[in-house]
Amino acid sequence: MNMETVNNNIGLKALSLLLAVILWFSLTAGIDAEERVKVPVRLKNLSGQLTVQELTLPAVELVIAGPRIMIWQLDKDNLEINLDMKEVGPGTVAFSDLGRMVRLRKGLKVVRVYPSQIELRIVKK
């Protein structure tokens, strides 16, 4: 094989390669995918007269599903679970259905959550 054969129709070869990449990307981008993400837990609206005993909020592991292109574009650093403590008094409070507390773009959904529930012990200061 000589260089003349390789260089023959180089523009057409480059165009063919570009079209192949675009076709591959368009086919694989629409396929559903899943991504595991660790999401921090934050408390909001906790009364100034109350505190959480043994405050070690775990990160919650989520499995998020949706079109592969949307999974690639997911801003994992801005995901969080906010626990609203507005109506909470002293005692033990449990939060479940944590997947609904994550704000995701339309087309993405939380399919698994671990742990599925968080229990907090609230005491007066």
PDB file of N, CA and C in Angstrom:
ATOM      1  N   MET A   1       0.847  -1.164   0.000  1.00  0.00           N
ATOM      2  CA  MET A   1       0.000   0.000   0.000  1.00  0.00           C
ATOM      3  C   MET A   1       0.900   1.236   0.000  1.00  0.00           C
ATOM      4  N   ASN A   2       0.652   2.107  -0.939  1.00  0.00           N
ATOM      5  CA  ASN A   2       1.471   3.309  -0.995  1.00  0.00           C
ATOM      6  C   ASN A   2       0.674   4.512  -0.502  1.00  0.00           C
ATOM      7  N   MET A   3       1.357   5.635  -0.300  1.00  0.00           N
ATOM      8  CA  MET A   3       0.735   6.842   0.254  1.00  0.00           C
ATOM      9  C   MET A   3      -0.311   7.432  -0.681  1.00  0.00           C
ATOM     10  N   GLU A   4      -0.161   7.225  -1.957  1.00  0.00           N
ATOM     11  CA  GLU A   4      -1.122   7.763  -2.916  1.00  0.00           C
ATOM     12  C   GLU A   4      -2.493   7.116  -2.710  1.00  0.00           C
ATOM     13  N   THR A   5      -2.516   5.833  -2.419  1.00  0.00           N
ATOM     14  CA  THR A   5      -3.771   5.129  -2.174  1.00  0.00           C
ATOM     15  C   THR A   5      -4.441   5.642  -0.896  1.00  0.00           C
ATOM     16  N   VAL A   6      -3.651   5.899   0.138  1.00  0.00           N
ATOM     17  CA  VAL A   6      -4.181   6.392   1.406  1.00  0.00           C
ATOM     18  C   VAL A   6      -4.734   7.801   1.242  1.00  0.00           C
ATOM     19  N   ASN A   7      -4.017   8.652   0.523  1.00  0.00           N
ATOM     20  CA  ASN A   7      -4.417  10.045   0.359  1.00  0.00           C
ATOM     21  C   ASN A   7      -5.515  10.239  -0.688  1.00  0.00           C
ATOM     22  N   ASN A   8      -5.816   9.223  -1.468  1.00  0.00           N
ATOM     23  CA  ASN A   8      -6.836   9.320  -2.503  1.00  0.00           C
ATOM     24  C   ASN A   8      -8.211   9.500  -1.859  1.00  0.00           C
ATOM     25  N   ASN A   9      -8.934  10.529  -2.238  1.00  0.00           N
ATOM     26  CA  ASN A   9     -10.273  10.830  -1.707  1.00  0.00           C
ATOM     27  C   ASN A   9     -10.295  10.999  -0.194  1.00  0.00           C
ATOM     28  N   ILE A  10      -9.306  11.675   0.367  1.00  0.00           N
ATOM     29  CA  ILE A  10      -9.230  11.840   1.818  1.00  0.00           C
ATOM     30  C   ILE A  10     -10.427  12.622   2.363  1.00  0.00           C
ATOM     31  N   GLY A  11     -10.928  13.592   1.589  1.00  0.00           N
ATOM     32  CA  GLY A  11     -12.097  14.355   2.024  1.00  0.00           C
ATOM     33  C   GLY A  11     -13.329  13.481   2.131  1.00  0.00           C
ATOM     34  N   LEU A  12     -13.509  12.589   1.167  1.00  0.00           N
ATOM     35  CA  LEU A  12     -14.641  11.669   1.191  1.00  0.00           C
ATOM     36  C   LEU A  12     -14.539  10.688   2.363  1.00  0.00           C
ATOM     37  N   LYS A  13     -13.317  10.248   2.658  1.00  0.00           N
ATOM     38  CA  LYS A  13     -13.113   9.341   3.798  1.00  0.00           C
ATOM     39  C   LYS A  13     -13.407  10.047   5.121  1.00  0.00           C
ATOM     40  N   ALA A  14     -12.992  11.307   5.231  1.00  0.00           N
ATOM     41  CA  ALA A  14     -13.244  12.066   6.451  1.00  0.00           C
ATOM     42  C   ALA A  14     -14.744  12.299   6.628  1.00  0.00           C
ATOM     43  N   LEU A  15     -15.436  12.612   5.543  1.00  0.00           N
ATOM     44  CA  LEU A  15     -16.882  12.801   5.594  1.00  0.00           C
ATOM     45  C   LEU A  15     -17.591  11.508   6.003  1.00  0.00           C
ATOM     46  N   SER A  16     -17.138  10.378   5.473  1.00  0.00           N
ATOM     47  CA  SER A  16     -17.724   9.078   5.826  1.00  0.00           C
ATOM     48  C   SER A  16     -17.537   8.780   7.313  1.00  0.00           C
ATOM     49  N   LEU A  17     -16.367   9.074   7.824  1.00  0.00           N
ATOM     50  CA  LEU A  17     -16.089   8.850   9.242  1.00  0.00           C
ATOM     51  C   LEU A  17     -16.976   9.757  10.101  1.00  0.00           C
ATOM     52  N   LEU A  18     -17.110  11.013   9.720  1.00  0.00           N
ATOM     53  CA  LEU A  18     -17.951  11.946  10.454  1.00  0.00           C
ATOM     54  C   LEU A  18     -19.409  11.485  10.459  1.00  0.00           C
ATOM     55  N   LEU A  19     -19.922  11.057   9.334  1.00  0.00           N
ATOM     56  CA  LEU A  19     -21.294  10.564   9.264  1.00  0.00           C
ATOM     57  C   LEU A  19     -21.484   9.307  10.111  1.00  0.00           C
ATOM     58  N   ALA A  20     -20.495   8.426  10.123  1.00  0.00           N
ATOM     59  CA  ALA A  20     -20.580   7.214  10.940  1.00  0.00           C
ATOM     60  C   ALA A  20     -20.636   7.566  12.432  1.00  0.00           C
ATOM     61  N   VAL A  21     -19.836   8.534  12.861  1.00  0.00           N
ATOM     62  CA  VAL A  21     -19.832   8.952  14.266  1.00  0.00           C
ATOM     63  C   VAL A  21     -21.173   9.586  14.629  1.00  0.00           C
ATOM     64  N   ILE A  22     -21.705  10.445  13.759  1.00  0.00           N
ATOM     65  CA  ILE A  22     -22.997  11.084  14.016  1.00  0.00           C
ATOM     66  C   ILE A  22     -24.105  10.038  14.091  1.00  0.00           C
ATOM     67  N   LEU A  23     -24.096   9.066  13.201  1.00  0.00           N
ATOM     68  CA  LEU A  23     -25.094   8.001  13.213  1.00  0.00           C
ATOM     69  C   LEU A  23     -24.996   7.177  14.486  1.00  0.00           C
ATOM     70  N   TRP A  24     -23.779   6.796  14.879  1.00  0.00           N
ATOM     71  CA  TRP A  24     -23.584   6.019  16.105  1.00  0.00           C
ATOM     72  C   TRP A  24     -24.098   6.800  17.311  1.00  0.00           C
ATOM     73  N   PHE A  25     -23.745   8.077  17.381  1.00  0.00           N
ATOM     74  CA  PHE A  25     -24.151   8.895  18.525  1.00  0.00           C
ATOM     75  C   PHE A  25     -25.667   9.045  18.585  1.00  0.00           C
ATOM     76  N   SER A  26     -26.304   9.269  17.449  1.00  0.00           N
ATOM     77  CA  SER A  26     -27.754   9.448  17.450  1.00  0.00           C
ATOM     78  C   SER A  26     -28.485   8.163  17.838  1.00  0.00           C
ATOM     79  N   LEU A  27     -27.936   7.019  17.499  1.00  0.00           N
ATOM     80  CA  LEU A  27     -28.574   5.745  17.865  1.00  0.00           C
ATOM     81  C   LEU A  27     -28.373   5.406  19.333  1.00  0.00           C
ATOM     82  N   THR A  28     -27.189   5.640  19.861  1.00  0.00           N
ATOM     83  CA  THR A  28     -26.918   5.269  21.255  1.00  0.00           C
ATOM     84  C   THR A  28     -27.429   6.301  22.245  1.00  0.00           C
ATOM     85  N   ALA A  29     -27.614   7.552  21.840  1.00  0.00           N
ATOM     86  CA  ALA A  29     -28.047   8.600  22.768  1.00  0.00           C
ATOM     87  C   ALA A  29     -29.486   8.380  23.239  1.00  0.00           C
ATOM     88  N   GLY A  30     -30.325   7.763  22.440  1.00  0.00           N
ATOM     89  CA  GLY A  30     -31.713   7.558  22.813  1.00  0.00           C
ATOM     90  C   GLY A  30     -31.963   6.324  23.653  1.00  0.00           C
ATOM     91  N   ILE A  31     -30.973   5.475  23.798  1.00  0.00           N
ATOM     92  CA  ILE A  31     -31.124   4.241  24.569  1.00  0.00           C
ATOM     93  C   ILE A  31     -31.134   4.581  26.061  1.00  0.00           C
ATOM     94  N   ASP A  32     -32.032   3.946  26.810  1.00  0.00           N
ATOM     95  CA  ASP A  32     -32.090   4.190  28.248  1.00  0.00           C
ATOM     96  C   ASP A  32     -30.847   3.659  28.943  1.00  0.00           C
ATOM     97  N   ALA A  33     -30.460   4.374  29.982  1.00  0.00           N
ATOM     98  CA  ALA A  33     -29.294   4.004  30.776  1.00  0.00           C
ATOM     99  C   ALA A  33     -29.611   4.276  32.241  1.00  0.00           C
ATOM    100  N   GLU A  34     -28.755   3.777  33.121  1.00  0.00           N
ATOM    101  CA  GLU A  34     -28.879   4.025  34.554  1.00  0.00           C
ATOM    102  C   GLU A  34     -27.552   4.538  35.083  1.00  0.00           C
ATOM    103  N   GLU A  35     -27.632   5.378  36.100  1.00  0.00           N
ATOM    104  CA  GLU A  35     -26.429   5.946  36.722  1.00  0.00           C
ATOM    105  C   GLU A  35     -26.611   5.944  38.233  1.00  0.00           C
ATOM    106  N   ARG A  36     -25.585   5.461  38.952  1.00  0.00           N
ATOM    107  CA  ARG A  36     -25.589   5.507  40.420  1.00  0.00           C
ATOM    108  C   ARG A  36     -24.970   6.830  40.853  1.00  0.00           C
ATOM    109  N   VAL A  37     -25.666   7.494  41.797  1.00  0.00           N
ATOM    110  CA  VAL A  37     -25.219   8.800  42.265  1.00  0.00           C
ATOM    111  C   VAL A  37     -25.385   8.862  43.776  1.00  0.00           C
ATOM    112  N   LYS A  38     -24.364   9.365  44.482  1.00  0.00           N
ATOM    113  CA  LYS A  38     -24.487   9.632  45.917  1.00  0.00           C
ATOM    114  C   LYS A  38     -24.918  11.075  46.073  1.00  0.00           C
ATOM    115  N   VAL A  39     -26.018  11.274  46.825  1.00  0.00           N
ATOM    116  CA  VAL A  39     -26.625  12.586  46.965  1.00  0.00           C
ATOM    117  C   VAL A  39     -26.607  12.985  48.438  1.00  0.00           C
ATOM    118  N   PRO A  40     -26.136  14.200  48.754  1.00  0.00           N
ATOM    119  CA  PRO A  40     -26.131  14.628  50.160  1.00  0.00           C
ATOM    120  C   PRO A  40     -27.544  14.927  50.661  1.00  0.00           C
ATOM    121  N   VAL A  41     -27.718  14.781  51.964  1.00  0.00           N
ATOM    122  CA  VAL A  41     -29.002  15.076  52.612  1.00  0.00           C
ATOM    123  C   VAL A  41     -28.838  16.374  53.400  1.00  0.00           C
ATOM    124  N   ARG A  42     -29.779  17.282  53.214  1.00  0.00           N
ATOM    125  CA  ARG A  42     -29.737  18.571  53.896  1.00  0.00           C
ATOM    126  C   ARG A  42     -31.055  18.787  54.650  1.00  0.00           C
ATOM    127  N   LEU A  43     -30.951  19.455  55.810  1.00  0.00           N
ATOM    128  CA  LEU A  43     -32.131  19.798  56.591  1.00  0.00           C
ATOM    129  C   LEU A  43     -32.497  21.246  56.312  1.00  0.00           C
ATOM    130  N   LYS A  44     -33.805  21.512  56.180  1.00  0.00           N
ATOM    131  CA  LYS A  44     -34.237  22.901  56.032  1.00  0.00           C
ATOM    132  C   LYS A  44     -35.424  23.163  56.939  1.00  0.00           C
ATOM    133  N   ASN A  45     -35.563  24.395  57.367  1.00  0.00           N
ATOM    134  CA  ASN A  45     -36.672  24.864  58.211  1.00  0.00           C
ATOM    135  C   ASN A  45     -36.712  24.217  59.594  1.00  0.00           C
ATOM    136  N   LEU A  46     -35.558  23.867  60.160  1.00  0.00           N
ATOM    137  CA  LEU A  46     -35.524  23.323  61.520  1.00  0.00           C
ATOM    138  C   LEU A  46     -35.612  24.486  62.502  1.00  0.00           C
ATOM    139  N   SER A  47     -36.536  24.396  63.442  1.00  0.00           N
ATOM    140  CA  SER A  47     -36.730  25.445  64.447  1.00  0.00           C
ATOM    141  C   SER A  47     -35.421  25.707  65.185  1.00  0.00           C
ATOM    142  N   GLY A  48     -35.200  26.963  65.553  1.00  0.00           N
ATOM    143  CA  GLY A  48     -33.995  27.329  66.293  1.00  0.00           C
ATOM    144  C   GLY A  48     -33.951  26.741  67.686  1.00  0.00           C
ATOM    145  N   GLN A  49     -35.091  26.239  68.183  1.00  0.00           N
ATOM    146  CA  GLN A  49     -35.158  25.650  69.525  1.00  0.00           C
ATOM    147  C   GLN A  49     -34.899  24.152  69.509  1.00  0.00           C
ATOM    148  N   LEU A  50     -34.743  23.590  68.322  1.00  0.00           N
ATOM    149  CA  LEU A  50     -34.545  22.149  68.191  1.00  0.00           C
ATOM    150  C   LEU A  50     -33.197  21.845  67.538  1.00  0.00           C
ATOM    151  N   THR A  51     -32.730  20.652  67.797  1.00  0.00           N
ATOM    152  CA  THR A  51     -31.517  20.178  67.146  1.00  0.00           C
ATOM    153  C   THR A  51     -31.662  18.686  66.870  1.00  0.00           C
ATOM    154  N   VAL A  52     -30.809  18.190  66.015  1.00  0.00           N
ATOM    155  CA  VAL A  52     -30.832  16.773  65.679  1.00  0.00           C
ATOM    156  C   VAL A  52     -29.750  16.076  66.499  1.00  0.00           C
ATOM    157  N   GLN A  53     -30.165  15.069  67.260  1.00  0.00           N
ATOM    158  CA  GLN A  53     -29.222  14.303  68.070  1.00  0.00           C
ATOM    159  C   GLN A  53     -28.414  13.404  67.147  1.00  0.00           C
ATOM    160  N   GLU A  54     -27.115  13.322  67.381  1.00  0.00           N
ATOM    161  CA  GLU A  54     -26.220  12.497  66.556  1.00  0.00           C
ATOM    162  C   GLU A  54     -26.381  12.852  65.079  1.00  0.00           C
ATOM    163  N   LEU A  55     -26.120  14.092  64.778  1.00  0.00           N
ATOM    164  CA  LEU A  55     -26.312  14.575  63.405  1.00  0.00           C
ATOM    165  C   LEU A  55     -25.201  14.056  62.499  1.00  0.00           C
ATOM    166  N   THR A  56     -25.445  12.921  61.909  1.00  0.00           N
ATOM    167  CA  THR A  56     -24.575  12.384  60.861  1.00  0.00           C
ATOM    168  C   THR A  56     -25.498  11.967  59.727  1.00  0.00           C
ATOM    169  N   LEU A  57     -25.834  12.916  58.915  1.00  0.00           N
ATOM    170  CA  LEU A  57     -26.739  12.621  57.812  1.00  0.00           C
ATOM    171  C   LEU A  57     -25.998  11.826  56.751  1.00  0.00           C
ATOM    172  N   PRO A  58     -26.552  10.706  56.383  1.00  0.00           N
ATOM    173  CA  PRO A  58     -25.887   9.901  55.372  1.00  0.00           C
ATOM    174  C   PRO A  58     -26.115  10.472  53.975  1.00  0.00           C
ATOM    175  N   ALA A  59     -25.218  10.133  53.096  1.00  0.00           N
ATOM    176  CA  ALA A  59     -25.493  10.400  51.687  1.00  0.00           C
ATOM    177  C   ALA A  59     -26.413   9.276  51.220  1.00  0.00           C
ATOM    178  N   VAL A  60     -27.344   9.611  50.405  1.00  0.00           N
ATOM    179  CA  VAL A  60     -28.283   8.629  49.884  1.00  0.00           C
ATOM    180  C   VAL A  60     -27.818   8.235  48.494  1.00  0.00           C
ATOM    181  N   GLU A  61     -27.800   6.931  48.243  1.00  0.00           N
ATOM    182  CA  GLU A  61     -27.413   6.455  46.917  1.00  0.00           C
ATOM    183  C   GLU A  61     -28.669   6.287  46.070  1.00  0.00           C
ATOM    184  N   LEU A  62     -28.677   6.955  44.930  1.00  0.00           N
ATOM    185  CA  LEU A  62     -29.801   6.878  43.998  1.00  0.00           C
ATOM    186  C   LEU A  62     -29.357   6.192  42.721  1.00  0.00           C
ATOM    187  N   VAL A  63     -30.272   5.484  42.101  1.00  0.00           N
ATOM    188  CA  VAL A  63     -30.068   4.998  40.739  1.00  0.00           C
ATOM    189  C   VAL A  63     -31.065   5.767  39.888  1.00  0.00           C
ATOM    190  N   ILE A  64     -30.520   6.548  38.960  1.00  0.00           N
ATOM    191  CA  ILE A  64     -31.337   7.397  38.096  1.00  0.00           C
ATOM    192  C   ILE A  64     -31.352   6.797  36.702  1.00  0.00           C
ATOM    193  N   ALA A  65     -32.540   6.706  36.113  1.00  0.00           N
ATOM    194  CA  ALA A  65     -32.693   6.112  34.783  1.00  0.00           C
ATOM    195  C   ALA A  65     -33.297   7.126  33.827  1.00  0.00           C
ATOM    196  N   GLY A  66     -32.942   6.962  32.558  1.00  0.00           N
ATOM    197  CA  GLY A  66     -33.488   7.822  31.518  1.00  0.00           C
ATOM    198  C   GLY A  66     -32.660   7.691  30.259  1.00  0.00           C
ATOM    199  N   PRO A  67     -32.964   8.484  29.253  1.00  0.00           N
ATOM    200  CA  PRO A  67     -32.196   8.433  28.011  1.00  0.00           C
ATOM    201  C   PRO A  67     -30.708   8.714  28.275  1.00  0.00           C
ATOM    202  N   ARG A  68     -29.864   7.963  27.618  1.00  0.00           N
ATOM    203  CA  ARG A  68     -28.424   8.049  27.844  1.00  0.00           C
ATOM    204  C   ARG A  68     -27.893   9.477  27.709  1.00  0.00           C
ATOM    205  N   ILE A  69     -28.388  10.216  26.734  1.00  0.00           N
ATOM    206  CA  ILE A  69     -27.901  11.586  26.536  1.00  0.00           C
ATOM    207  C   ILE A  69     -28.231  12.458  27.744  1.00  0.00           C
ATOM    208  N   MET A  70     -29.401  12.246  28.359  1.00  0.00           N
ATOM    209  CA  MET A  70     -29.771  13.027  29.539  1.00  0.00           C
ATOM    210  C   MET A  70     -28.958  12.601  30.761  1.00  0.00           C
ATOM    211  N   ILE A  71     -28.633  11.318  30.843  1.00  0.00           N
ATOM    212  CA  ILE A  71     -27.770  10.835  31.924  1.00  0.00           C
ATOM    213  C   ILE A  71     -26.388  11.463  31.797  1.00  0.00           C
ATOM    214  N   TRP A  72     -25.865  11.545  30.578  1.00  0.00           N
ATOM    215  CA  TRP A  72     -24.558  12.171  30.355  1.00  0.00           C
ATOM    216  C   TRP A  72     -24.565  13.629  30.777  1.00  0.00           C
ATOM    217  N   GLN A  73     -25.690  14.311  30.558  1.00  0.00           N
ATOM    218  CA  GLN A  73     -25.786  15.742  30.854  1.00  0.00           C
ATOM    219  C   GLN A  73     -26.184  16.024  32.311  1.00  0.00           C
ATOM    220  N   LEU A  74     -26.465  14.996  33.080  1.00  0.00           N
ATOM    221  CA  LEU A  74     -26.908  15.160  34.464  1.00  0.00           C
ATOM    222  C   LEU A  74     -25.833  15.846  35.296  1.00  0.00           C
ATOM    223  N   ASP A  75     -26.207  16.927  35.966  1.00  0.00           N
ATOM    224  CA  ASP A  75     -25.287  17.664  36.832  1.00  0.00           C
ATOM    225  C   ASP A  75     -25.340  17.045  38.227  1.00  0.00           C
ATOM    226  N   LYS A  76     -24.521  16.033  38.446  1.00  0.00           N
ATOM    227  CA  LYS A  76     -24.560  15.255  39.685  1.00  0.00           C
ATOM    228  C   LYS A  76     -24.167  16.081  40.907  1.00  0.00           C
ATOM    229  N   ASP A  77     -23.342  17.109  40.712  1.00  0.00           N
ATOM    230  CA  ASP A  77     -22.880  17.916  41.841  1.00  0.00           C
ATOM    231  C   ASP A  77     -23.983  18.798  42.425  1.00  0.00           C
ATOM    232  N   ASN A  78     -25.041  19.038  41.685  1.00  0.00           N
ATOM    233  CA  ASN A  78     -26.122  19.905  42.174  1.00  0.00           C
ATOM    234  C   ASN A  78     -27.339  19.131  42.663  1.00  0.00           C
ATOM    235  N   LEU A  79     -27.244  17.823  42.741  1.00  0.00           N
ATOM    236  CA  LEU A  79     -28.353  17.032  43.265  1.00  0.00           C
ATOM    237  C   LEU A  79     -28.261  16.986  44.782  1.00  0.00           C
ATOM    238  N   GLU A  80     -29.403  17.085  45.449  1.00  0.00           N
ATOM    239  CA  GLU A  80     -29.445  16.955  46.899  1.00  0.00           C
ATOM    240  C   GLU A  80     -30.860  16.588  47.330  1.00  0.00           C
ATOM    241  N   ILE A  81     -30.948  16.058  48.544  1.00  0.00           N
ATOM    242  CA  ILE A  81     -32.244  15.741  49.143  1.00  0.00           C
ATOM    243  C   ILE A  81     -32.428  16.711  50.303  1.00  0.00           C
ATOM    244  N   ASN A  82     -33.498  17.500  50.235  1.00  0.00           N
ATOM    245  CA  ASN A  82     -33.818  18.457  51.293  1.00  0.00           C
ATOM    246  C   ASN A  82     -34.951  17.909  52.149  1.00  0.00           C
ATOM    247  N   LEU A  83     -34.675  17.721  53.429  1.00  0.00           N
ATOM    248  CA  LEU A  83     -35.694  17.252  54.365  1.00  0.00           C
ATOM    249  C   LEU A  83     -36.319  18.465  55.045  1.00  0.00           C
ATOM    250  N   ASP A  84     -37.613  18.662  54.833  1.00  0.00           N
ATOM    251  CA  ASP A  84     -38.318  19.810  55.401  1.00  0.00           C
ATOM    252  C   ASP A  84     -38.687  19.502  56.849  1.00  0.00           C
ATOM    253  N   MET A  85     -38.113  20.265  57.774  1.00  0.00           N
ATOM    254  CA  MET A  85     -38.304  20.034  59.209  1.00  0.00           C
ATOM    255  C   MET A  85     -39.307  21.019  59.812  1.00  0.00           C
ATOM    256  N   LYS A  86     -40.074  21.702  58.979  1.00  0.00           N
ATOM    257  CA  LYS A  86     -40.976  22.763  59.430  1.00  0.00           C
ATOM    258  C   LYS A  86     -42.005  22.273  60.451  1.00  0.00           C
ATOM    259  N   GLU A  87     -42.603  21.140  60.226  1.00  0.00           N
ATOM    260  CA  GLU A  87     -43.682  20.634  61.085  1.00  0.00           C
ATOM    261  C   GLU A  87     -43.174  19.659  62.152  1.00  0.00           C
ATOM    262  N   VAL A  88     -41.871  19.556  62.317  1.00  0.00           N
ATOM    263  CA  VAL A  88     -41.284  18.540  63.193  1.00  0.00           C
ATOM    264  C   VAL A  88     -41.095  19.087  64.600  1.00  0.00           C
ATOM    265  N   GLY A  89     -41.446  18.262  65.591  1.00  0.00           N
ATOM    266  CA  GLY A  89     -41.223  18.591  66.995  1.00  0.00           C
ATOM    267  C   GLY A  89     -40.265  17.579  67.599  1.00  0.00           C
ATOM    268  N   PRO A  90     -40.031  17.659  68.909  1.00  0.00           N
ATOM    269  CA  PRO A  90     -39.137  16.697  69.560  1.00  0.00           C
ATOM    270  C   PRO A  90     -39.642  15.264  69.393  1.00  0.00           C
ATOM    271  N   GLY A  91     -38.713  14.354  69.226  1.00  0.00           N
ATOM    272  CA  GLY A  91     -39.044  12.942  69.051  1.00  0.00           C
ATOM    273  C   GLY A  91     -38.327  12.378  67.840  1.00  0.00           C
ATOM    274  N   THR A  92     -38.760  11.228  67.405  1.00  0.00           N
ATOM    275  CA  THR A  92     -38.154  10.573  66.246  1.00  0.00           C
ATOM    276  C   THR A  92     -39.025  10.832  65.025  1.00  0.00           C
ATOM    277  N   VAL A  93     -38.386  11.224  63.957  1.00  0.00           N
ATOM    278  CA  VAL A  93     -39.107  11.465  62.713  1.00  0.00           C
ATOM    279  C   VAL A  93     -38.449  10.628  61.621  1.00  0.00           C
ATOM    280  N   ALA A  94     -39.283  10.030  60.783  1.00  0.00           N
ATOM    281  CA  ALA A  94     -38.786   9.194  59.688  1.00  0.00           C
ATOM    282  C   ALA A  94     -39.191   9.819  58.357  1.00  0.00           C
ATOM    283  N   PHE A  95     -38.268   9.851  57.453  1.00  0.00           N
ATOM    284  CA  PHE A  95     -38.535  10.331  56.102  1.00  0.00           C
ATOM    285  C   PHE A  95     -38.380   9.158  55.146  1.00  0.00           C
ATOM    286  N   SER A  96     -39.417   8.921  54.359  1.00  0.00           N
ATOM    287  CA  SER A  96     -39.350   7.869  53.353  1.00  0.00           C
ATOM    288  C   SER A  96     -39.688   8.477  52.002  1.00  0.00           C
ATOM    289  N   ASP A  97     -39.704   7.663  50.981  1.00  0.00           N
ATOM    290  CA  ASP A  97     -39.961   8.133  49.619  1.00  0.00           C
ATOM    291  C   ASP A  97     -38.967   9.235  49.234  1.00  0.00           C
ATOM    292  N   LEU A  98     -37.699   8.990  49.550  1.00  0.00           N
ATOM    293  CA  LEU A  98     -36.654   9.984  49.339  1.00  0.00           C
ATOM    294  C   LEU A  98     -36.417  10.301  47.866  1.00  0.00           C
ATOM    295  N   GLY A  99     -36.739   9.371  46.997  1.00  0.00           N
ATOM    296  CA  GLY A  99     -36.540   9.597  45.566  1.00  0.00           C
ATOM    297  C   GLY A  99     -37.374  10.748  45.039  1.00  0.00           C
ATOM    298  N   ARG A 100     -38.523  11.001  45.647  1.00  0.00           N
ATOM    299  CA  ARG A 100     -39.389  12.110  45.213  1.00  0.00           C
ATOM    300  C   ARG A 100     -38.837  13.469  45.639  1.00  0.00           C
ATOM    301  N   MET A 101     -37.871  13.477  46.541  1.00  0.00           N
ATOM    302  CA  MET A 101     -37.330  14.733  47.050  1.00  0.00           C
ATOM    303  C   MET A 101     -36.178  15.259  46.202  1.00  0.00           C
ATOM    304  N   VAL A 102     -35.848  14.548  45.147  1.00  0.00           N
ATOM    305  CA  VAL A 102     -34.758  14.965  44.257  1.00  0.00           C
ATOM    306  C   VAL A 102     -35.370  15.612  43.023  1.00  0.00           C
ATOM    307  N   ARG A 103     -34.893  16.783  42.678  1.00  0.00           N
ATOM    308  CA  ARG A 103     -35.406  17.484  41.497  1.00  0.00           C
ATOM    309  C   ARG A 103     -34.589  17.054  40.285  1.00  0.00           C
ATOM    310  N   LEU A 104     -35.279  16.420  39.340  1.00  0.00           N
ATOM    311  CA  LEU A 104     -34.651  15.942  38.114  1.00  0.00           C
ATOM    312  C   LEU A 104     -35.344  16.540  36.906  1.00  0.00           C
ATOM    313  N   ARG A 105     -34.620  16.589  35.801  1.00  0.00           N
ATOM    314  CA  ARG A 105     -35.205  17.041  34.548  1.00  0.00           C
ATOM    315  C   ARG A 105     -36.274  16.056  34.092  1.00  0.00           C
ATOM    316  N   LYS A 106     -37.234  16.572  33.339  1.00  0.00           N
ATOM    317  CA  LYS A 106     -38.275  15.711  32.780  1.00  0.00           C
ATOM    318  C   LYS A 106     -37.611  14.667  31.897  1.00  0.00           C
ATOM    319  N   GLY A 107     -38.030  13.410  32.045  1.00  0.00           N
ATOM    320  CA  GLY A 107     -37.437  12.318  31.279  1.00  0.00           C
ATOM    321  C   GLY A 107     -36.520  11.444  32.117  1.00  0.00           C
ATOM    322  N   LEU A 108     -36.084  11.967  33.274  1.00  0.00           N
ATOM    323  CA  LEU A 108     -35.264  11.188  34.195  1.00  0.00           C
ATOM    324  C   LEU A 108     -36.107  10.785  35.389  1.00  0.00           C
ATOM    325  N   LYS A 109     -35.801   9.625  35.964  1.00  0.00           N
ATOM    326  CA  LYS A 109     -36.544   9.184  37.147  1.00  0.00           C
ATOM    327  C   LYS A 109     -35.628   8.403  38.067  1.00  0.00           C
ATOM    328  N   VAL A 110     -35.961   8.435  39.342  1.00  0.00           N
ATOM    329  CA  VAL A 110     -35.241   7.668  40.349  1.00  0.00           C
ATOM    330  C   VAL A 110     -35.866   6.279  40.389  1.00  0.00           C
ATOM    331  N   VAL A 111     -35.046   5.235  40.180  1.00  0.00           N
ATOM    332  CA  VAL A 111     -35.586   3.873  40.171  1.00  0.00           C
ATOM    333  C   VAL A 111     -35.225   3.087  41.437  1.00  0.00           C
ATOM    334  N   ARG A 112     -34.160   3.503  42.142  1.00  0.00           N
ATOM    335  CA  ARG A 112     -33.796   2.846  43.399  1.00  0.00           C
ATOM    336  C   ARG A 112     -33.191   3.874  44.351  1.00  0.00           C
ATOM    337  N   VAL A 113     -33.444   3.670  45.647  1.00  0.00           N
ATOM    338  CA  VAL A 113     -32.928   4.557  46.687  1.00  0.00           C
ATOM    339  C   VAL A 113     -32.386   3.701  47.820  1.00  0.00           C
ATOM    340  N   TYR A 114     -31.163   4.035  48.299  1.00  0.00           N
ATOM    341  CA  TYR A 114     -30.609   3.336  49.455  1.00  0.00           C
ATOM    342  C   TYR A 114     -29.894   4.343  50.349  1.00  0.00           C
ATOM    343  N   PRO A 115     -30.247   4.458  51.594  1.00  0.00           N
ATOM    344  CA  PRO A 115     -31.317   3.747  52.279  1.00  0.00           C
ATOM    345  C   PRO A 115     -32.680   4.301  51.849  1.00  0.00           C
ATOM    346  N   SER A 116     -33.692   3.492  51.991  1.00  0.00           N
ATOM    347  CA  SER A 116     -35.025   3.906  51.543  1.00  0.00           C
ATOM    348  C   SER A 116     -35.703   4.830  52.552  1.00  0.00           C
ATOM    349  N   GLN A 117     -35.160   4.895  53.754  1.00  0.00           N
ATOM    350  CA  GLN A 117     -35.756   5.714  54.806  1.00  0.00           C
ATOM    351  C   GLN A 117     -34.650   6.292  55.686  1.00  0.00           C
ATOM    352  N   ILE A 118     -34.872   7.499  56.180  1.00  0.00           N
ATOM    353  CA  ILE A 118     -33.937   8.135  57.118  1.00  0.00           C
ATOM    354  C   ILE A 118     -34.713   8.474  58.382  1.00  0.00           C
ATOM    355  N   GLU A 119     -34.156   8.061  59.529  1.00  0.00           N
ATOM    356  CA  GLU A 119     -34.758   8.386  60.828  1.00  0.00           C
ATOM    357  C   GLU A 119     -33.850   9.362  61.554  1.00  0.00           C
ATOM    358  N   LEU A 120     -34.459  10.404  62.123  1.00  0.00           N
ATOM    359  CA  LEU A 120     -33.722  11.406  62.870  1.00  0.00           C
ATOM    360  C   LEU A 120     -34.354  11.567  64.244  1.00  0.00           C
ATOM    361  N   ARG A 121     -33.531  11.746  65.256  1.00  0.00           N
ATOM    362  CA  ARG A 121     -34.018  11.997  66.625  1.00  0.00           C
ATOM    363  C   ARG A 121     -33.869  13.483  66.879  1.00  0.00           C
ATOM    364  N   ILE A 122     -35.006  14.140  67.104  1.00  0.00           N
ATOM    365  CA  ILE A 122     -35.049  15.575  67.308  1.00  0.00           C
ATOM    366  C   ILE A 122     -35.193  15.852  68.805  1.00  0.00           C
ATOM    367  N   VAL A 123     -34.348  16.747  69.341  1.00  0.00           N
ATOM    368  CA  VAL A 123     -34.395  17.109  70.775  1.00  0.00           C
ATOM    369  C   VAL A 123     -34.381  18.629  70.901  1.00  0.00           C
ATOM    370  N   LYS A 124     -34.842  19.104  72.075  1.00  0.00           N
ATOM    371  CA  LYS A 124     -34.763  20.542  72.371  1.00  0.00           C
ATOM    372  C   LYS A 124     -33.324  20.877  72.714  1.00  0.00           C
ATOM    373  N   LYS A 125     -32.929  22.102  72.381  1.00  0.00           N
ATOM    374  CA  LYS A 125     -31.572  22.565  72.688  1.00  0.00           C
ATOM    375  C   LYS A 125     -31.413  22.801  74.159  1.00  0.00           C
TER     376      LYS A 125
END
